Amino acid sequence: MALKVKLTKSFAGSSVDQLATIRSLGLKKFGDERLLQDTPAVRGMVNKVRHLVTSETVQGDAPKTTRRKPRKIRARDAARARQAQAAKA
């Protein structure tokens, strides 16, 4: 099961807590839509800003999010790989 959450109202004038909740749901601007896993934590966040979003339960699973390394770390690893490649040649 998954939750389809859409930001349907403007969050201008909302409290800092509500802005943080909207941001943590992955909604950035008016009309944004996300497919999230149906967990108690996500349901609680949706409930907190229910006057700003619409949500519906959909069949299927939400896509898994993969964590990415920071750009600095990726660049460092790529440089080390190039050095190792150059040392072999």
Protein backbone atom coordinates (compact mmCIF):
# COMPACT_ATOMS: atom_id res chain seq x y z
CA MET A 1 0.00 0.00 0.00
CA ALA A 2 1.10 3.54 -0.66
CA LEU A 3 -0.17 7.04 0.01
CA LYS A 4 -0.49 9.56 -2.77
CA VAL A 5 -0.02 13.01 -1.21
CA LYS A 6 -0.60 16.25 -3.11
CA LEU A 7 -0.04 19.82 -1.92
CA THR A 8 -3.35 21.50 -2.76
CA LYS A 9 -3.18 24.73 -0.78
CA SER A 10 -0.52 27.36 -0.29
CA PHE A 11 1.62 27.04 2.79
CA ALA A 12 2.23 30.78 3.05
CA GLY A 13 1.76 31.90 6.63
CA SER A 14 2.08 28.39 8.02
CA SER A 15 4.03 27.72 11.18
CA VAL A 16 7.64 26.55 11.12
CA ASP A 17 6.55 23.07 12.24
CA GLN A 18 4.11 22.76 9.36
CA LEU A 19 6.69 23.99 6.85
CA ALA A 20 9.15 21.38 8.11
CA THR A 21 6.48 18.68 7.83
CA ILE A 22 5.64 19.66 4.26
CA ARG A 23 9.33 19.63 3.40
CA SER A 24 9.84 16.21 5.01
CA LEU A 25 6.97 14.82 2.96
CA GLY A 26 8.97 15.84 -0.11
CA LEU A 27 6.58 18.56 -1.26
CA LYS A 28 8.30 21.69 -2.48
CA LYS A 29 5.72 23.79 -4.27
CA PHE A 30 2.03 24.08 -4.93
CA GLY A 31 0.69 21.10 -6.90
CA ASP A 32 3.56 18.75 -6.06
CA GLU A 33 2.59 15.11 -5.72
CA ARG A 34 4.47 12.26 -4.04
CA LEU A 35 3.91 8.55 -3.66
CA LEU A 36 4.98 7.57 -0.13
CA GLN A 37 5.02 4.38 1.88
CA ASP A 38 1.97 3.96 4.06
CA THR A 39 3.52 4.04 7.53
CA PRO A 40 2.24 5.47 10.81
CA ALA A 41 4.91 8.18 10.67
CA VAL A 42 3.84 9.36 7.22
CA ARG A 43 0.17 9.23 8.20
CA GLY A 44 0.96 11.39 11.23
CA MET A 45 2.74 13.96 9.07
CA VAL A 46 -0.16 14.03 6.62
CA ASN A 47 -2.58 14.44 9.52
CA LYS A 48 -0.58 17.40 10.82
CA VAL A 49 -0.97 19.32 7.55
CA ARG A 50 -4.27 17.80 6.40
CA HIS A 51 -5.70 21.27 5.68
CA LEU A 52 -2.95 21.84 3.09
CA VAL A 53 -2.73 18.45 1.39
CA THR A 54 -4.96 15.77 -0.05
CA SER A 55 -4.10 12.13 0.35
CA GLU A 56 -5.45 8.89 -0.99
CA THR A 57 -4.46 5.27 -0.56
CA VAL A 58 -3.34 3.56 -3.75
CA GLN A 59 -2.50 -0.04 -4.56
CA GLY A 60 1.11 -1.04 -5.08
CA ASP A 61 4.30 -0.04 -3.35
CA ALA A 62 5.95 3.32 -3.19
CA PRO A 63 9.34 3.53 -4.89
CA LYS A 64 12.25 2.94 -2.56
CA THR A 65 14.42 5.98 -2.05
CA THR A 66 18.14 5.43 -2.29
CA ARG A 67 20.50 7.46 -0.22
CA ARG A 68 23.21 9.24 -2.13
CA LYS A 69 26.61 10.15 -0.83
CA PRO A 70 27.42 13.86 -0.63
CA ARG A 71 28.98 15.35 -3.76
CA LYS A 72 32.31 15.88 -2.00
CA ILE A 73 32.53 12.21 -1.04
CA ARG A 74 31.53 11.02 -4.53
CA ALA A 75 34.20 13.27 -6.07
CA ARG A 76 36.81 11.94 -3.64
CA ASP A 77 35.93 8.33 -4.42
CA ALA A 78 36.05 9.00 -8.17
CA ALA A 79 39.47 10.65 -7.84
CA ARG A 80 40.77 7.67 -5.86
CA ALA A 81 39.44 5.29 -8.51
CA ARG A 82 41.18 7.29 -11.25
CA GLN A 83 44.43 7.24 -9.27
CA ALA A 84 44.20 3.49 -8.81
CA GLN A 85 43.48 3.05 -12.54
CA ALA A 86 46.48 5.23 -13.45
CA ALA A 87 48.73 3.32 -11.06
CA LYS A 88 47.81 0.01 -12.73
CA ALA A 89 48.57 1.33 -16.20
